[in-house]
Every structure is written in C-alpha cells, then in structure tokens.
Amino acid sequence: MRDNKGRFVKGHEKIGGFSKGDKHKKLSKSKVSQSLFGKIGSNSRRWKGQKASYEAKHMWIIKYYGNANKCQQKNCNYKNPKRYEWHNLSGEYKRGISDYIQLCPSCHRKIDMERMELCVL
C-alpha cells in the first residue's frame, strides 16, 4: 500500500470489513454450506464437464461404478493380478460406462502400447 505521495506504507486497510487472517463466523459458514448443499454434477460450482482433467474423469468412473474388479479382455493370460484398472475405449473420456472396460494392468499396457503405435504411424 502507498500513501498520497507514493511512498510505501506497511500494512493494509480492511476492504469490505474482512482482511487476511480473519476467521469466518459460524453464521457465514452455515450460509455457504446451505448454498452448496445438494449441488453435485453439472450443478456444482466447480463442474468443468469435458474440460475436467484425466485424473478427475478416472475418479468419476470409480465414484459411480466402483473399482475395476475383473479383466474383460478375452485372451488375457495374466492369472490373479493384485489389482484391476479402468480403460477408456474411445480416447475421448466420455462420462458413461459404455466408454470404459475393466482390465488387468498387463492387458491395459498392451492396449495402450498398440494405441500409441497407431498414433505414430
């Protein structure tokens, strides 16, 4: 902050009755909480739709359809993997179960490598 002559003055004025470090009152917190209650999906204030990150879209599929629990690849040779993963089919990461399949890590890597080879050619 500067004074009338342009010199720097330590500190700052409160703007709007609230400054850095002040705590919100319980009433203020409850109003914010009530205004956000029940706003999920496209009604959420943080909704990004198709602009959401890669991680956010994978968290979405896990939230609505759970963790992957089997390998849907027909010719899978990997026996008893410790985990399974969701794989996106179209590469567009649409929000729908029809755009994903469950795979073991081995099959997932194979399919991703095949997709990368097609992109290079």
C-alpha atoms as a PDB file:
ATOM      1  CA  MET A   1       0.000   0.000   0.000  1.00  0.00           C
ATOM      2  CA  ARG A   2       1.189   3.510  -0.743  1.00  0.00           C
ATOM      3  CA  ASP A   3       0.357   6.876   0.786  1.00  0.00           C
ATOM      4  CA  ASN A   4      -0.668  10.046  -1.104  1.00  0.00           C
ATOM      5  CA  LYS A   5       2.937  10.831  -2.022  1.00  0.00           C
ATOM      6  CA  GLY A   6       3.589   7.364  -3.466  1.00  0.00           C
ATOM      7  CA  ARG A   7       5.648   6.106  -0.528  1.00  0.00           C
ATOM      8  CA  PHE A   8       5.248   2.510   0.641  1.00  0.00           C
ATOM      9  CA  VAL A   9       3.309   2.108   3.901  1.00  0.00           C
ATOM     10  CA  LYS A  10       3.477  -1.177   5.805  1.00  0.00           C
ATOM     11  CA  GLY A  11       0.162  -2.991   6.349  1.00  0.00           C
ATOM     12  CA  HIS A  12      -3.128  -2.686   4.552  1.00  0.00           C
ATOM     13  CA  GLU A  13      -6.627  -1.445   5.100  1.00  0.00           C
ATOM     14  CA  LYS A  14      -9.586  -3.700   5.614  1.00  0.00           C
ATOM     15  CA  ILE A  15     -11.662  -3.823   2.470  1.00  0.00           C
ATOM     16  CA  GLY A  16     -15.277  -4.758   2.999  1.00  0.00           C
ATOM     17  CA  GLY A  17     -14.743  -5.452   6.698  1.00  0.00           C
ATOM     18  CA  PHE A  18     -12.662  -8.578   6.101  1.00  0.00           C
ATOM     19  CA  SER A  19      -8.904  -8.966   5.847  1.00  0.00           C
ATOM     20  CA  LYS A  20      -6.383 -11.748   5.510  1.00  0.00           C
ATOM     21  CA  GLY A  21      -6.241 -13.947   8.597  1.00  0.00           C
ATOM     22  CA  ASP A  22      -9.752 -13.140   9.827  1.00  0.00           C
ATOM     23  CA  LYS A  23     -11.949 -16.128  10.611  1.00  0.00           C
ATOM     24  CA  HIS A  24     -15.412 -16.667   9.174  1.00  0.00           C
ATOM     25  CA  LYS A  25     -18.259 -16.597  11.684  1.00  0.00           C
ATOM     26  CA  LYS A  26     -20.473 -19.663  12.219  1.00  0.00           C
ATOM     27  CA  LEU A  27     -23.421 -17.953  10.537  1.00  0.00           C
ATOM     28  CA  SER A  28     -21.336 -17.188   7.464  1.00  0.00           C
ATOM     29  CA  LYS A  29     -20.068 -20.790   7.286  1.00  0.00           C
ATOM     30  CA  SER A  30     -23.581 -22.188   7.596  1.00  0.00           C
ATOM     31  CA  LYS A  31     -24.868 -19.921   4.795  1.00  0.00           C
ATOM     32  CA  VAL A  32     -22.121 -21.094   2.447  1.00  0.00           C
ATOM     33  CA  SER A  33     -22.775 -24.711   3.404  1.00  0.00           C
ATOM     34  CA  GLN A  34     -26.515 -24.360   2.748  1.00  0.00           C
ATOM     35  CA  SER A  35     -25.934 -22.680  -0.615  1.00  0.00           C
ATOM     36  CA  LEU A  36     -23.777 -25.620  -1.793  1.00  0.00           C
ATOM     37  CA  PHE A  37     -25.923 -28.429  -0.337  1.00  0.00           C
ATOM     38  CA  GLY A  38     -27.092 -30.942  -2.930  1.00  0.00           C
ATOM     39  CA  LYS A  39     -25.264 -29.284  -5.823  1.00  0.00           C
ATOM     40  CA  ILE A  40     -23.485 -32.192  -7.457  1.00  0.00           C
ATOM     41  CA  GLY A  41     -22.513 -32.972 -11.013  1.00  0.00           C
ATOM     42  CA  SER A  42     -23.258 -30.237 -13.527  1.00  0.00           C
ATOM     43  CA  ASN A  43     -24.916 -28.124 -10.785  1.00  0.00           C
ATOM     44  CA  SER A  44     -21.663 -27.922  -8.824  1.00  0.00           C
ATOM     45  CA  ARG A  45     -19.783 -24.629  -8.902  1.00  0.00           C
ATOM     46  CA  ARG A  46     -16.574 -26.489  -9.773  1.00  0.00           C
ATOM     47  CA  TRP A  47     -18.055 -28.524 -12.659  1.00  0.00           C
ATOM     48  CA  LYS A  48     -15.804 -28.490 -15.730  1.00  0.00           C
ATOM     49  CA  GLY A  49     -17.574 -31.048 -17.929  1.00  0.00           C
ATOM     50  CA  GLN A  50     -15.352 -32.307 -20.740  1.00  0.00           C
ATOM     51  CA  LYS A  51     -12.596 -29.886 -19.672  1.00  0.00           C
ATOM     52  CA  ALA A  52     -12.015 -31.901 -16.486  1.00  0.00           C
ATOM     53  CA  SER A  53      -8.569 -33.424 -16.019  1.00  0.00           C
ATOM     54  CA  TYR A  54      -7.594 -37.012 -16.810  1.00  0.00           C
ATOM     55  CA  GLU A  55      -7.465 -37.816 -13.081  1.00  0.00           C
ATOM     56  CA  ALA A  56     -10.878 -36.233 -12.425  1.00  0.00           C
ATOM     57  CA  LYS A  57     -12.519 -38.368 -15.108  1.00  0.00           C
ATOM     58  CA  HIS A  58     -10.978 -41.536 -13.682  1.00  0.00           C
ATOM     59  CA  MET A  59     -12.100 -40.549 -10.175  1.00  0.00           C
ATOM     60  CA  TRP A  60     -15.607 -40.048 -11.622  1.00  0.00           C
ATOM     61  CA  ILE A  61     -15.760 -43.582 -13.058  1.00  0.00           C
ATOM     62  CA  ILE A  62     -14.558 -45.057  -9.736  1.00  0.00           C
ATOM     63  CA  LYS A  63     -17.057 -42.971  -7.746  1.00  0.00           C
ATOM     64  CA  TYR A  64     -20.076 -44.040  -9.819  1.00  0.00           C
ATOM     65  CA  TYR A  65     -19.098 -47.571 -10.860  1.00  0.00           C
ATOM     66  CA  GLY A  66     -16.599 -48.637  -8.183  1.00  0.00           C
ATOM     67  CA  ASN A  67     -13.125 -50.050  -8.583  1.00  0.00           C
ATOM     68  CA  ALA A  68     -12.466 -52.364 -11.504  1.00  0.00           C
ATOM     69  CA  ASN A  69     -12.663 -55.993 -10.296  1.00  0.00           C
ATOM     70  CA  LYS A  70     -12.054 -58.202 -13.351  1.00  0.00           C
ATOM     71  CA  CYS A  71     -10.336 -58.316 -16.723  1.00  0.00           C
ATOM     72  CA  GLN A  72     -12.761 -58.117 -19.651  1.00  0.00           C
ATOM     73  CA  GLN A  73     -10.079 -58.920 -22.247  1.00  0.00           C
ATOM     74  CA  LYS A  74     -10.976 -62.253 -23.882  1.00  0.00           C
ATOM     75  CA  ASN A  75      -7.427 -63.550 -24.382  1.00  0.00           C
ATOM     76  CA  CYS A  76      -5.983 -62.494 -21.015  1.00  0.00           C
ATOM     77  CA  ASN A  77      -3.118 -64.760 -19.887  1.00  0.00           C
ATOM     78  CA  TYR A  78      -2.386 -62.968 -16.617  1.00  0.00           C
ATOM     79  CA  LYS A  79      -3.588 -65.047 -13.661  1.00  0.00           C
ATOM     80  CA  ASN A  80      -4.694 -63.487 -10.361  1.00  0.00           C
ATOM     81  CA  PRO A  81      -3.433 -59.893 -10.623  1.00  0.00           C
ATOM     82  CA  LYS A  82      -3.389 -57.838  -7.427  1.00  0.00           C
ATOM     83  CA  ARG A  83      -5.446 -55.039  -8.961  1.00  0.00           C
ATOM     84  CA  TYR A  84      -7.521 -54.069 -11.984  1.00  0.00           C
ATOM     85  CA  GLU A  85      -7.876 -50.780 -13.839  1.00  0.00           C
ATOM     86  CA  TRP A  86     -10.478 -48.908 -15.867  1.00  0.00           C
ATOM     87  CA  HIS A  87      -9.524 -48.419 -19.523  1.00  0.00           C
ATOM     88  CA  ASN A  88     -11.039 -45.798 -21.810  1.00  0.00           C
ATOM     89  CA  LEU A  89     -12.079 -47.166 -25.202  1.00  0.00           C
ATOM     90  CA  SER A  90     -12.634 -44.078 -27.351  1.00  0.00           C
ATOM     91  CA  GLY A  91      -9.845 -41.846 -26.094  1.00  0.00           C
ATOM     92  CA  GLU A  92     -12.415 -39.079 -25.578  1.00  0.00           C
ATOM     93  CA  TYR A  93     -13.078 -39.911 -21.895  1.00  0.00           C
ATOM     94  CA  LYS A  94     -16.845 -39.587 -22.116  1.00  0.00           C
ATOM     95  CA  ARG A  95     -18.875 -39.777 -18.922  1.00  0.00           C
ATOM     96  CA  GLY A  96     -20.561 -43.121 -19.455  1.00  0.00           C
ATOM     97  CA  ILE A  97     -19.843 -46.736 -18.589  1.00  0.00           C
ATOM     98  CA  SER A  98     -20.050 -47.732 -22.274  1.00  0.00           C
ATOM     99  CA  ASP A  99     -16.786 -45.836 -22.895  1.00  0.00           C
ATOM    100  CA  TYR A 100     -14.804 -47.886 -20.330  1.00  0.00           C
ATOM    101  CA  ILE A 101     -13.814 -51.513 -19.748  1.00  0.00           C
ATOM    102  CA  GLN A 102     -12.075 -53.231 -16.852  1.00  0.00           C
ATOM    103  CA  LEU A 103      -8.608 -54.679 -17.466  1.00  0.00           C
ATOM    104  CA  CYS A 104      -5.695 -56.174 -15.577  1.00  0.00           C
ATOM    105  CA  PRO A 105      -2.567 -53.955 -15.695  1.00  0.00           C
ATOM    106  CA  SER A 106      -0.867 -56.232 -18.229  1.00  0.00           C
ATOM    107  CA  CYS A 107      -3.725 -56.065 -20.758  1.00  0.00           C
ATOM    108  CA  HIS A 108      -4.142 -52.338 -20.112  1.00  0.00           C
ATOM    109  CA  ARG A 109      -0.487 -51.637 -21.002  1.00  0.00           C
ATOM    110  CA  LYS A 110      -0.681 -53.818 -24.123  1.00  0.00           C
ATOM    111  CA  ILE A 111      -3.743 -51.976 -25.427  1.00  0.00           C
ATOM    112  CA  ASP A 112      -2.195 -48.571 -24.637  1.00  0.00           C
ATOM    113  CA  MET A 113       1.021 -49.516 -26.467  1.00  0.00           C
ATOM    114  CA  GLU A 114      -0.983 -50.643 -29.524  1.00  0.00           C
ATOM    115  CA  ARG A 115      -2.880 -47.334 -29.493  1.00  0.00           C
ATOM    116  CA  MET A 116       0.394 -45.375 -29.268  1.00  0.00           C
ATOM    117  CA  GLU A 117       1.872 -47.312 -32.196  1.00  0.00           C
ATOM    118  CA  LEU A 118      -1.155 -46.451 -34.325  1.00  0.00           C
ATOM    119  CA  CYS A 119      -0.747 -42.773 -33.465  1.00  0.00           C
ATOM    120  CA  VAL A 120       2.921 -42.803 -34.521  1.00  0.00           C
ATOM    121  CA  LEU A 121       2.205 -44.372 -37.901  1.00  0.00           C
END
